[in-house]
Amino acid sequence: MFDATEAVRKAVSAMLRTSESFGAGHLIDILTGTATDKVKQRGHEGLPTFGVGRDLSKGAWTAVFRQMMGRDLIRPDAERHGALFMTEAARPILRGEATITLRKDTLQSAPRVVVKALVSDEDAPLLSALKAKRRALAEAARVPAYVIFADRTLIEMAEKRPETRDQMAGISGVGAKKLESYGAAFLEVITGATPEAQHPSRRRLAGKDEGALFDRLMDVQNALARGVDGTEKPLSCPAALLAKVAEVRPRDLGMMERLLGDRRTERFGAAFMSVLDEA
């Protein structure tokens, strides 16, 4: 481990001075004082941060950016081709209010070359961020990285960019257990936002037809919570019960009543049956 506070501050400064509009490759060129055509076209050789990171190699800077993503100090913006932006977690470091240490033994690697060979240039920054998140989770759990997700799973995530748990469940290698354990963390890397909270009963149906059916039943229930005219006493079904309806798919009101009981069947039964008939 080494004190990477100054390196992180330089990296974040380079991001902010370029309006958080570029990926790690261009930022590393700026930090190492590499006057590429892109750097010149943007006038970035005139930035105060141009060349301030010459004390580290490009491979070392790649490792720094990768670990910063793993610590959630920076994130790639999927809507802007992987441009990196600073999170609130990095602000205390930038202000000099906190320090940070990073691993030295990763500084010799240059995964960006490998990443670009595996995916398109557009998807490479996101794949790097996903690998950084995997590494952080693996280190926290003290397990090999592949135990979290295999490389081919991360590649598919980078290419397909799932935005919901249902979409994430369709990625090869993302089973129910791993979706529950790691899905939210990787979705946050992909979308840049914390996934919407879901009841465990709904999360269990992620990626299944019953999940979409659950959502339609929930919409109907919300619409009828106070009855057709909106004046009745509020009534609802627990999420676990809605999941049961979605899974069992009762064939008639008699079966529905055995699941819901008299009062709920009177309020929701016919509407629920319509949803099931259309499914």
C-alpha atoms as a PDB file:
ATOM      1  CA  MET A   1       0.000   0.000   0.000  1.00  0.00           C
ATOM      2  CA  PHE A   2       1.141   3.589  -0.542  1.00  0.00           C
ATOM      3  CA  ASP A   3      -0.172   7.071   0.163  1.00  0.00           C
ATOM      4  CA  ALA A   4      -2.008   7.946  -3.056  1.00  0.00           C
ATOM      5  CA  THR A   5      -3.631  11.128  -1.790  1.00  0.00           C
ATOM      6  CA  GLU A   6      -1.666  13.430  -4.080  1.00  0.00           C
ATOM      7  CA  ALA A   7      -2.144  11.182  -7.115  1.00  0.00           C
ATOM      8  CA  VAL A   8      -5.896  11.033  -6.545  1.00  0.00           C
ATOM      9  CA  ARG A   9      -6.077  14.818  -6.146  1.00  0.00           C
ATOM     10  CA  LYS A  10      -4.188  15.275  -9.423  1.00  0.00           C
ATOM     11  CA  ALA A  11      -6.492  12.829 -11.203  1.00  0.00           C
ATOM     12  CA  VAL A  12      -9.657  14.503  -9.920  1.00  0.00           C
ATOM     13  CA  SER A  13      -8.259  17.940 -10.738  1.00  0.00           C
ATOM     14  CA  ALA A  14      -7.610  16.837 -14.325  1.00  0.00           C
ATOM     15  CA  MET A  15     -11.189  15.590 -14.552  1.00  0.00           C
ATOM     16  CA  LEU A  16     -12.676  18.811 -13.221  1.00  0.00           C
ATOM     17  CA  ARG A  17     -10.511  21.035 -15.438  1.00  0.00           C
ATOM     18  CA  THR A  18     -11.804  19.142 -18.478  1.00  0.00           C
ATOM     19  CA  SER A  19     -15.442  19.420 -17.333  1.00  0.00           C
ATOM     20  CA  GLU A  20     -15.661  15.699 -16.495  1.00  0.00           C
ATOM     21  CA  SER A  21     -16.029  15.000 -20.214  1.00  0.00           C
ATOM     22  CA  PHE A  22     -13.277  12.447 -20.873  1.00  0.00           C
ATOM     23  CA  GLY A  23     -12.272   8.902 -20.064  1.00  0.00           C
ATOM     24  CA  ALA A  24      -9.185   7.676 -18.254  1.00  0.00           C
ATOM     25  CA  GLY A  25      -7.037   7.419 -21.394  1.00  0.00           C
ATOM     26  CA  HIS A  26      -7.245  11.112 -22.262  1.00  0.00           C
ATOM     27  CA  LEU A  27      -6.856  12.170 -18.636  1.00  0.00           C
ATOM     28  CA  ILE A  28      -3.720  10.040 -18.320  1.00  0.00           C
ATOM     29  CA  ASP A  29      -2.296  11.713 -21.429  1.00  0.00           C
ATOM     30  CA  ILE A  30      -2.866  15.081 -19.761  1.00  0.00           C
ATOM     31  CA  LEU A  31      -1.348  14.009 -16.446  1.00  0.00           C
ATOM     32  CA  THR A  32       1.743  12.491 -18.073  1.00  0.00           C
ATOM     33  CA  GLY A  33       2.228  15.455 -20.420  1.00  0.00           C
ATOM     34  CA  THR A  34       1.588  13.470 -23.587  1.00  0.00           C
ATOM     35  CA  ALA A  35       0.636  15.977 -26.301  1.00  0.00           C
ATOM     36  CA  THR A  36      -1.543  13.761 -28.469  1.00  0.00           C
ATOM     37  CA  ASP A  37      -3.568  15.178 -31.352  1.00  0.00           C
ATOM     38  CA  LYS A  38      -6.673  15.022 -29.169  1.00  0.00           C
ATOM     39  CA  VAL A  39      -4.925  16.883 -26.356  1.00  0.00           C
ATOM     40  CA  LYS A  40      -3.777  19.597 -28.772  1.00  0.00           C
ATOM     41  CA  GLN A  41      -7.154  19.909 -30.489  1.00  0.00           C
ATOM     42  CA  ARG A  42      -8.798  20.510 -27.124  1.00  0.00           C
ATOM     43  CA  GLY A  43      -6.088  22.902 -25.976  1.00  0.00           C
ATOM     44  CA  HIS A  44      -5.449  20.745 -22.942  1.00  0.00           C
ATOM     45  CA  GLU A  45      -1.670  21.094 -23.133  1.00  0.00           C
ATOM     46  CA  GLY A  46      -2.265  24.533 -21.597  1.00  0.00           C
ATOM     47  CA  LEU A  47      -4.003  23.193 -18.498  1.00  0.00           C
ATOM     48  CA  PRO A  48      -2.267  23.549 -15.101  1.00  0.00           C
ATOM     49  CA  THR A  49      -2.581  19.777 -14.711  1.00  0.00           C
ATOM     50  CA  PHE A  50      -0.747  19.023 -17.973  1.00  0.00           C
ATOM     51  CA  GLY A  51       2.318  16.993 -17.050  1.00  0.00           C
ATOM     52  CA  VAL A  52       1.848  17.157 -13.264  1.00  0.00           C
ATOM     53  CA  GLY A  53       1.759  13.365 -13.104  1.00  0.00           C
ATOM     54  CA  ARG A  54       5.011  12.577 -14.888  1.00  0.00           C
ATOM     55  CA  ASP A  55       6.267  10.903 -11.704  1.00  0.00           C
ATOM     56  CA  LEU A  56       4.016   7.923 -12.498  1.00  0.00           C
ATOM     57  CA  SER A  57       4.002   5.805 -15.645  1.00  0.00           C
ATOM     58  CA  LYS A  58       0.902   5.449 -17.786  1.00  0.00           C
ATOM     59  CA  GLY A  59       0.480   1.934 -16.440  1.00  0.00           C
ATOM     60  CA  ALA A  60       0.631   3.245 -12.882  1.00  0.00           C
ATOM     61  CA  TRP A  61      -1.948   5.930 -13.667  1.00  0.00           C
ATOM     62  CA  THR A  62      -4.200   3.285 -15.216  1.00  0.00           C
ATOM     63  CA  ALA A  63      -4.042   1.376 -11.933  1.00  0.00           C
ATOM     64  CA  VAL A  64      -4.782   4.549  -9.955  1.00  0.00           C
ATOM     65  CA  PHE A  65      -7.899   5.305 -12.007  1.00  0.00           C
ATOM     66  CA  ARG A  66      -9.013   1.684 -11.787  1.00  0.00           C
ATOM     67  CA  GLN A  67      -8.717   1.673  -7.996  1.00  0.00           C
ATOM     68  CA  MET A  68     -10.446   5.048  -7.756  1.00  0.00           C
ATOM     69  CA  MET A  69     -13.416   3.536  -9.574  1.00  0.00           C
ATOM     70  CA  GLY A  70     -13.293   0.544  -7.263  1.00  0.00           C
ATOM     71  CA  ARG A  71     -13.436   2.877  -4.247  1.00  0.00           C
ATOM     72  CA  ASP A  72     -16.346   4.748  -5.863  1.00  0.00           C
ATOM     73  CA  LEU A  73     -14.387   8.009  -5.963  1.00  0.00           C
ATOM     74  CA  ILE A  74     -15.142   8.344  -9.670  1.00  0.00           C
ATOM     75  CA  ARG A  75     -17.664   6.745 -11.998  1.00  0.00           C
ATOM     76  CA  PRO A  76     -18.041   6.385 -15.770  1.00  0.00           C
ATOM     77  CA  ASP A  77     -21.033   8.132 -17.320  1.00  0.00           C
ATOM     78  CA  ALA A  78     -22.658   5.515 -19.556  1.00  0.00           C
ATOM     79  CA  GLU A  79     -24.580   8.204 -21.453  1.00  0.00           C
ATOM     80  CA  ARG A  80     -21.370  10.073 -22.340  1.00  0.00           C
ATOM     81  CA  HIS A  81     -19.286   7.176 -23.653  1.00  0.00           C
ATOM     82  CA  GLY A  82     -17.612   6.440 -20.331  1.00  0.00           C
ATOM     83  CA  ALA A  83     -16.567   9.986 -19.416  1.00  0.00           C
ATOM     84  CA  LEU A  84     -15.479   9.965 -15.773  1.00  0.00           C
ATOM     85  CA  PHE A  85     -17.094  12.132 -13.116  1.00  0.00           C
ATOM     86  CA  MET A  86     -16.258  12.679  -9.468  1.00  0.00           C
ATOM     87  CA  THR A  87     -18.499  11.354  -6.691  1.00  0.00           C
ATOM     88  CA  GLU A  88     -19.092  12.993  -3.326  1.00  0.00           C
ATOM     89  CA  ALA A  89     -16.764  10.409  -1.770  1.00  0.00           C
ATOM     90  CA  ALA A  90     -13.795  12.087  -3.491  1.00  0.00           C
ATOM     91  CA  ARG A  91     -14.560  15.607  -2.297  1.00  0.00           C
ATOM     92  CA  PRO A  92     -12.870  15.339   1.146  1.00  0.00           C
ATOM     93  CA  ILE A  93      -9.687  14.080  -0.546  1.00  0.00           C
ATOM     94  CA  LEU A  94      -9.747  16.929  -3.061  1.00  0.00           C
ATOM     95  CA  ARG A  95     -10.177  19.447  -0.243  1.00  0.00           C
ATOM     96  CA  GLY A  96      -7.301  17.965   1.750  1.00  0.00           C
ATOM     97  CA  GLU A  97      -9.647  16.778   4.500  1.00  0.00           C
ATOM     98  CA  ALA A  98      -8.906  13.070   3.999  1.00  0.00           C
ATOM     99  CA  THR A  99      -6.125  10.811   2.750  1.00  0.00           C
ATOM    100  CA  ILE A 100      -6.210   7.560   0.798  1.00  0.00           C
ATOM    101  CA  THR A 101      -3.924   4.588   0.290  1.00  0.00           C
ATOM    102  CA  LEU A 102      -3.872   2.346  -2.777  1.00  0.00           C
ATOM    103  CA  ARG A 103      -2.232  -0.960  -3.553  1.00  0.00           C
ATOM    104  CA  LYS A 104       1.278  -0.796  -4.969  1.00  0.00           C
ATOM    105  CA  ASP A 105       1.302  -4.265  -6.462  1.00  0.00           C
ATOM    106  CA  THR A 106      -1.322  -3.342  -9.054  1.00  0.00           C
ATOM    107  CA  LEU A 107       0.636  -0.403 -10.413  1.00  0.00           C
ATOM    108  CA  GLN A 108       2.750  -2.545 -12.706  1.00  0.00           C
ATOM    109  CA  SER A 109      -0.217  -3.867 -14.665  1.00  0.00           C
ATOM    110  CA  ALA A 110      -1.692  -2.203 -17.725  1.00  0.00           C
ATOM    111  CA  PRO A 111      -5.178  -3.729 -18.060  1.00  0.00           C
ATOM    112  CA  ARG A 112      -6.374  -1.038 -20.450  1.00  0.00           C
ATOM    113  CA  VAL A 113      -4.607  -2.808 -23.322  1.00  0.00           C
ATOM    114  CA  VAL A 114      -6.355  -6.081 -22.438  1.00  0.00           C
ATOM    115  CA  VAL A 115      -9.697  -4.358 -21.968  1.00  0.00           C
ATOM    116  CA  LYS A 116      -9.567  -2.776 -25.402  1.00  0.00           C
ATOM    117  CA  ALA A 117      -8.856  -6.176 -26.925  1.00  0.00           C
ATOM    118  CA  LEU A 118     -11.953  -7.636 -25.275  1.00  0.00           C
ATOM    119  CA  VAL A 119     -14.525  -4.923 -25.996  1.00  0.00           C
ATOM    120  CA  SER A 120     -14.994  -1.873 -28.207  1.00  0.00           C
ATOM    121  CA  ASP A 121     -13.303   1.419 -27.350  1.00  0.00           C
ATOM    122  CA  GLU A 122     -16.702   2.768 -26.299  1.00  0.00           C
ATOM    123  CA  ASP A 123     -17.254  -0.035 -23.777  1.00  0.00           C
ATOM    124  CA  ALA A 124     -13.666  -0.221 -22.471  1.00  0.00           C
ATOM    125  CA  PRO A 125     -14.004   2.424 -19.694  1.00  0.00           C
ATOM    126  CA  LEU A 126     -17.129   0.752 -18.339  1.00  0.00           C
ATOM    127  CA  LEU A 127     -15.469  -2.669 -18.363  1.00  0.00           C
ATOM    128  CA  SER A 128     -12.543  -1.201 -16.422  1.00  0.00           C
ATOM    129  CA  ALA A 129     -14.971   0.228 -13.861  1.00  0.00           C
ATOM    130  CA  LEU A 130     -16.794  -3.100 -13.550  1.00  0.00           C
ATOM    131  CA  LYS A 131     -13.500  -4.913 -13.015  1.00  0.00           C
ATOM    132  CA  ALA A 132     -12.513  -2.369 -10.383  1.00  0.00           C
ATOM    133  CA  LYS A 133     -15.777  -2.925  -8.542  1.00  0.00           C
ATOM    134  CA  ARG A 134     -15.287  -6.695  -8.754  1.00  0.00           C
ATOM    135  CA  ARG A 135     -11.778  -6.355  -7.352  1.00  0.00           C
ATOM    136  CA  ALA A 136     -12.971  -4.211  -4.447  1.00  0.00           C
ATOM    137  CA  LEU A 137     -15.728  -6.683  -3.563  1.00  0.00           C
ATOM    138  CA  ALA A 138     -13.356  -9.629  -3.860  1.00  0.00           C
ATOM    139  CA  GLU A 139     -10.772  -7.977  -1.613  1.00  0.00           C
ATOM    140  CA  ALA A 140     -13.434  -7.156   0.970  1.00  0.00           C
ATOM    141  CA  ALA A 141     -14.674 -10.762   0.946  1.00  0.00           C
ATOM    142  CA  ARG A 142     -11.130 -12.175   0.689  1.00  0.00           C
ATOM    143  CA  VAL A 143     -12.007 -14.337  -2.297  1.00  0.00           C
ATOM    144  CA  PRO A 144     -10.621 -14.526  -5.851  1.00  0.00           C
ATOM    145  CA  ALA A 145     -12.167 -12.020  -8.262  1.00  0.00           C
ATOM    146  CA  TYR A 146     -13.722 -14.737 -10.433  1.00  0.00           C
ATOM    147  CA  VAL A 147     -15.850 -15.844  -7.468  1.00  0.00           C
ATOM    148  CA  ILE A 148     -17.736 -12.549  -7.765  1.00  0.00           C
ATOM    149  CA  PHE A 149     -18.219 -12.650 -11.563  1.00  0.00           C
ATOM    150  CA  ALA A 150     -16.264 -14.180 -14.440  1.00  0.00           C
ATOM    151  CA  ASP A 151     -14.636 -11.917 -17.044  1.00  0.00           C
ATOM    152  CA  ARG A 152     -17.145 -12.971 -19.700  1.00  0.00           C
ATOM    153  CA  THR A 153     -19.988 -11.829 -17.421  1.00  0.00           C
ATOM    154  CA  LEU A 154     -18.446  -8.376 -16.967  1.00  0.00           C
ATOM    155  CA  ILE A 155     -17.844  -8.103 -20.707  1.00  0.00           C
ATOM    156  CA  GLU A 156     -21.516  -8.830 -21.374  1.00  0.00           C
ATOM    157  CA  MET A 157     -22.507  -6.234 -18.770  1.00  0.00           C
ATOM    158  CA  ALA A 158     -20.308  -3.627 -20.465  1.00  0.00           C
ATOM    159  CA  GLU A 159     -21.768  -4.411 -23.878  1.00  0.00           C
ATOM    160  CA  LYS A 160     -25.456  -4.734 -22.926  1.00  0.00           C
ATOM    161  CA  ARG A 161     -25.478  -2.131 -20.099  1.00  0.00           C
ATOM    162  CA  PRO A 162     -28.431  -3.458 -18.076  1.00  0.00           C
ATOM    163  CA  GLU A 163     -30.308  -0.754 -16.191  1.00  0.00           C
ATOM    164  CA  THR A 164     -32.617  -2.838 -13.975  1.00  0.00           C
ATOM    165  CA  ARG A 165     -32.396  -6.013 -11.915  1.00  0.00           C
ATOM    166  CA  ASP A 166     -34.604  -7.749 -14.482  1.00  0.00           C
ATOM    167  CA  GLN A 167     -32.174  -6.862 -17.258  1.00  0.00           C
ATOM    168  CA  MET A 168     -29.194  -7.792 -15.086  1.00  0.00           C
ATOM    169  CA  ALA A 169     -30.741 -11.218 -14.487  1.00  0.00           C
ATOM    170  CA  GLY A 170     -30.524 -11.827 -18.232  1.00  0.00           C
ATOM    171  CA  ILE A 171     -26.723 -11.520 -18.225  1.00  0.00           C
ATOM    172  CA  SER A 172     -24.915 -14.853 -18.507  1.00  0.00           C
ATOM    173  CA  GLY A 173     -23.412 -15.842 -15.166  1.00  0.00           C
ATOM    174  CA  VAL A 174     -25.749 -13.705 -13.050  1.00  0.00           C
ATOM    175  CA  GLY A 175     -27.785 -16.210 -11.075  1.00  0.00           C
ATOM    176  CA  ALA A 176     -30.361 -15.404  -8.424  1.00  0.00           C
ATOM    177  CA  LYS A 177     -27.856 -15.561  -5.558  1.00  0.00           C
ATOM    178  CA  LYS A 178     -25.270 -13.327  -7.240  1.00  0.00           C
ATOM    179  CA  LEU A 179     -27.962 -10.927  -8.394  1.00  0.00           C
ATOM    180  CA  GLU A 180     -29.118 -10.547  -4.802  1.00  0.00           C
ATOM    181  CA  SER A 181     -25.567 -10.187  -3.460  1.00  0.00           C
ATOM    182  CA  TYR A 182     -23.929  -8.013  -6.102  1.00  0.00           C
ATOM    183  CA  GLY A 183     -26.574  -6.813  -8.559  1.00  0.00           C
ATOM    184  CA  ALA A 184     -27.144  -3.404  -7.008  1.00  0.00           C
ATOM    185  CA  ALA A 185     -23.413  -2.631  -6.773  1.00  0.00           C
ATOM    186  CA  PHE A 186     -22.764  -3.369 -10.444  1.00  0.00           C
ATOM    187  CA  LEU A 187     -25.942  -1.630 -11.616  1.00  0.00           C
ATOM    188  CA  GLU A 188     -24.747   1.483  -9.794  1.00  0.00           C
ATOM    189  CA  VAL A 189     -21.465   1.345 -11.729  1.00  0.00           C
ATOM    190  CA  ILE A 190     -23.319   0.955 -15.028  1.00  0.00           C
ATOM    191  CA  THR A 191     -26.036   3.565 -14.515  1.00  0.00           C
ATOM    192  CA  GLY A 192     -24.295   5.949 -12.135  1.00  0.00           C
ATOM    193  CA  ALA A 193     -27.288   5.820  -9.788  1.00  0.00           C
ATOM    194  CA  THR A 194     -28.423   3.671  -6.887  1.00  0.00           C
ATOM    195  CA  PRO A 195     -31.010   1.120  -8.111  1.00  0.00           C
ATOM    196  CA  GLU A 196     -34.565   1.647  -6.936  1.00  0.00           C
ATOM    197  CA  ALA A 197     -35.297  -0.295  -3.767  1.00  0.00           C
ATOM    198  CA  GLN A 198     -37.393  -3.420  -4.287  1.00  0.00           C
ATOM    199  CA  HIS A 199     -39.159  -5.736  -1.865  1.00  0.00           C
ATOM    200  CA  PRO A 200     -37.307  -9.071  -1.512  1.00  0.00           C
ATOM    201  CA  SER A 201     -40.355 -10.844  -2.954  1.00  0.00           C
ATOM    202  CA  ARG A 202     -40.015  -8.774  -6.136  1.00  0.00           C
ATOM    203  CA  ARG A 203     -36.251  -9.157  -6.323  1.00  0.00           C
ATOM    204  CA  ARG A 204     -36.701 -12.920  -6.209  1.00  0.00           C
ATOM    205  CA  LEU A 205     -38.674 -12.696  -9.469  1.00  0.00           C
ATOM    206  CA  ALA A 206     -36.045 -10.633 -11.301  1.00  0.00           C
ATOM    207  CA  GLY A 207     -35.589 -11.720 -14.895  1.00  0.00           C
ATOM    208  CA  LYS A 208     -38.658 -13.963 -14.850  1.00  0.00           C
ATOM    209  CA  ASP A 209     -42.041 -13.469 -16.539  1.00  0.00           C
ATOM    210  CA  GLU A 210     -43.527 -13.410 -13.057  1.00  0.00           C
ATOM    211  CA  GLY A 211     -41.549 -10.257 -12.307  1.00  0.00           C
ATOM    212  CA  ALA A 212     -43.306  -8.258 -15.019  1.00  0.00           C
ATOM    213  CA  LEU A 213     -46.609  -9.800 -13.931  1.00  0.00           C
ATOM    214  CA  PHE A 214     -45.942  -8.720 -10.344  1.00  0.00           C
ATOM    215  CA  ASP A 215     -45.407  -5.139 -11.544  1.00  0.00           C
ATOM    216  CA  ARG A 216     -48.719  -5.097 -13.430  1.00  0.00           C
ATOM    217  CA  LEU A 217     -50.554  -6.533 -10.428  1.00  0.00           C
ATOM    218  CA  MET A 218     -48.972  -3.873  -8.235  1.00  0.00           C
ATOM    219  CA  ASP A 219     -50.103  -1.117 -10.621  1.00  0.00           C
ATOM    220  CA  VAL A 220     -53.663  -2.451 -10.558  1.00  0.00           C
ATOM    221  CA  GLN A 221     -53.606  -2.714  -6.784  1.00  0.00           C
ATOM    222  CA  ASN A 222     -52.399   0.870  -6.416  1.00  0.00           C
ATOM    223  CA  ALA A 223     -55.154   2.086  -8.736  1.00  0.00           C
ATOM    224  CA  LEU A 224     -57.802   0.273  -6.680  1.00  0.00           C
ATOM    225  CA  ALA A 225     -56.342   0.880  -3.221  1.00  0.00           C
ATOM    226  CA  ARG A 226     -59.366   3.043  -2.339  1.00  0.00           C
ATOM    227  CA  GLY A 227     -61.828   1.276  -4.598  1.00  0.00           C
ATOM    228  CA  VAL A 228     -63.056   2.113  -8.081  1.00  0.00           C
ATOM    229  CA  ASP A 229     -64.413   5.509  -7.050  1.00  0.00           C
ATOM    230  CA  GLY A 230     -61.546   6.324  -4.672  1.00  0.00           C
ATOM    231  CA  THR A 231     -63.723   6.689  -1.589  1.00  0.00           C
ATOM    232  CA  GLU A 232     -63.372   3.313   0.114  1.00  0.00           C
ATOM    233  CA  LYS A 233     -61.123   2.354   3.006  1.00  0.00           C
ATOM    234  CA  PRO A 234     -57.508   1.736   1.864  1.00  0.00           C
ATOM    235  CA  LEU A 235     -56.719  -1.908   1.202  1.00  0.00           C
ATOM    236  CA  SER A 236     -53.658  -3.633  -0.227  1.00  0.00           C
ATOM    237  CA  CYS A 237     -51.903  -6.972  -0.565  1.00  0.00           C
ATOM    238  CA  PRO A 238     -48.480  -7.676   0.944  1.00  0.00           C
ATOM    239  CA  ALA A 239     -45.722  -7.928  -1.655  1.00  0.00           C
ATOM    240  CA  ALA A 240     -45.234 -11.598  -0.811  1.00  0.00           C
ATOM    241  CA  LEU A 241     -48.905 -12.239  -1.586  1.00  0.00           C
ATOM    242  CA  LEU A 242     -48.698 -10.441  -4.936  1.00  0.00           C
ATOM    243  CA  ALA A 243     -45.652 -12.550  -5.775  1.00  0.00           C
ATOM    244  CA  LYS A 244     -47.665 -15.650  -4.912  1.00  0.00           C
ATOM    245  CA  VAL A 245     -50.449 -14.573  -7.281  1.00  0.00           C
ATOM    246  CA  ALA A 246     -47.902 -13.954 -10.045  1.00  0.00           C
ATOM    247  CA  GLU A 247     -46.356 -17.385  -9.536  1.00  0.00           C
ATOM    248  CA  VAL A 248     -49.503 -19.465  -9.006  1.00  0.00           C
ATOM    249  CA  ARG A 249     -51.619 -17.632 -11.606  1.00  0.00           C
ATOM    250  CA  PRO A 250     -55.027 -18.706 -10.268  1.00  0.00           C
ATOM    251  CA  ARG A 251     -57.355 -19.824 -13.066  1.00  0.00           C
ATOM    252  CA  ASP A 252     -60.584 -18.472 -11.581  1.00  0.00           C
ATOM    253  CA  LEU A 253     -61.964 -16.291  -8.810  1.00  0.00           C
ATOM    254  CA  GLY A 254     -62.358 -19.309  -6.561  1.00  0.00           C
ATOM    255  CA  MET A 255     -58.625 -19.969  -6.624  1.00  0.00           C
ATOM    256  CA  MET A 256     -57.980 -16.252  -6.290  1.00  0.00           C
ATOM    257  CA  GLU A 257     -60.153 -16.088  -3.177  1.00  0.00           C
ATOM    258  CA  ARG A 258     -58.243 -18.948  -1.589  1.00  0.00           C
ATOM    259  CA  LEU A 259     -55.090 -16.873  -1.992  1.00  0.00           C
ATOM    260  CA  LEU A 260     -56.382 -13.396  -1.176  1.00  0.00           C
ATOM    261  CA  GLY A 261     -59.341 -13.958   1.111  1.00  0.00           C
ATOM    262  CA  ASP A 262     -62.833 -12.478   0.770  1.00  0.00           C
ATOM    263  CA  ARG A 263     -62.134  -8.746   1.195  1.00  0.00           C
ATOM    264  CA  ARG A 264     -59.143  -8.551  -1.117  1.00  0.00           C
ATOM    265  CA  THR A 265     -60.829 -10.697  -3.751  1.00  0.00           C
ATOM    266  CA  GLU A 266     -63.863  -8.425  -3.707  1.00  0.00           C
ATOM    267  CA  ARG A 267     -61.614  -5.385  -4.227  1.00  0.00           C
ATOM    268  CA  PHE A 268     -58.953  -6.769  -6.573  1.00  0.00           C
ATOM    269  CA  GLY A 269     -60.073 -10.191  -7.797  1.00  0.00           C
ATOM    270  CA  ALA A 270     -61.665  -9.290 -11.134  1.00  0.00           C
ATOM    271  CA  ALA A 271     -58.925  -6.811 -12.037  1.00  0.00           C
ATOM    272  CA  PHE A 272     -56.194  -9.285 -11.115  1.00  0.00           C
ATOM    273  CA  MET A 273     -57.867 -11.959 -13.251  1.00  0.00           C
ATOM    274  CA  SER A 274     -57.863  -9.561 -16.216  1.00  0.00           C
ATOM    275  CA  VAL A 275     -54.120  -9.040 -15.789  1.00  0.00           C
ATOM    276  CA  LEU A 276     -53.542 -12.794 -15.622  1.00  0.00           C
ATOM    277  CA  ASP A 277     -55.722 -13.431 -18.685  1.00  0.00           C
ATOM    278  CA  GLU A 278     -53.670 -10.934 -20.702  1.00  0.00           C
ATOM    279  CA  ALA A 279     -50.323 -12.386 -19.586  1.00  0.00           C
END
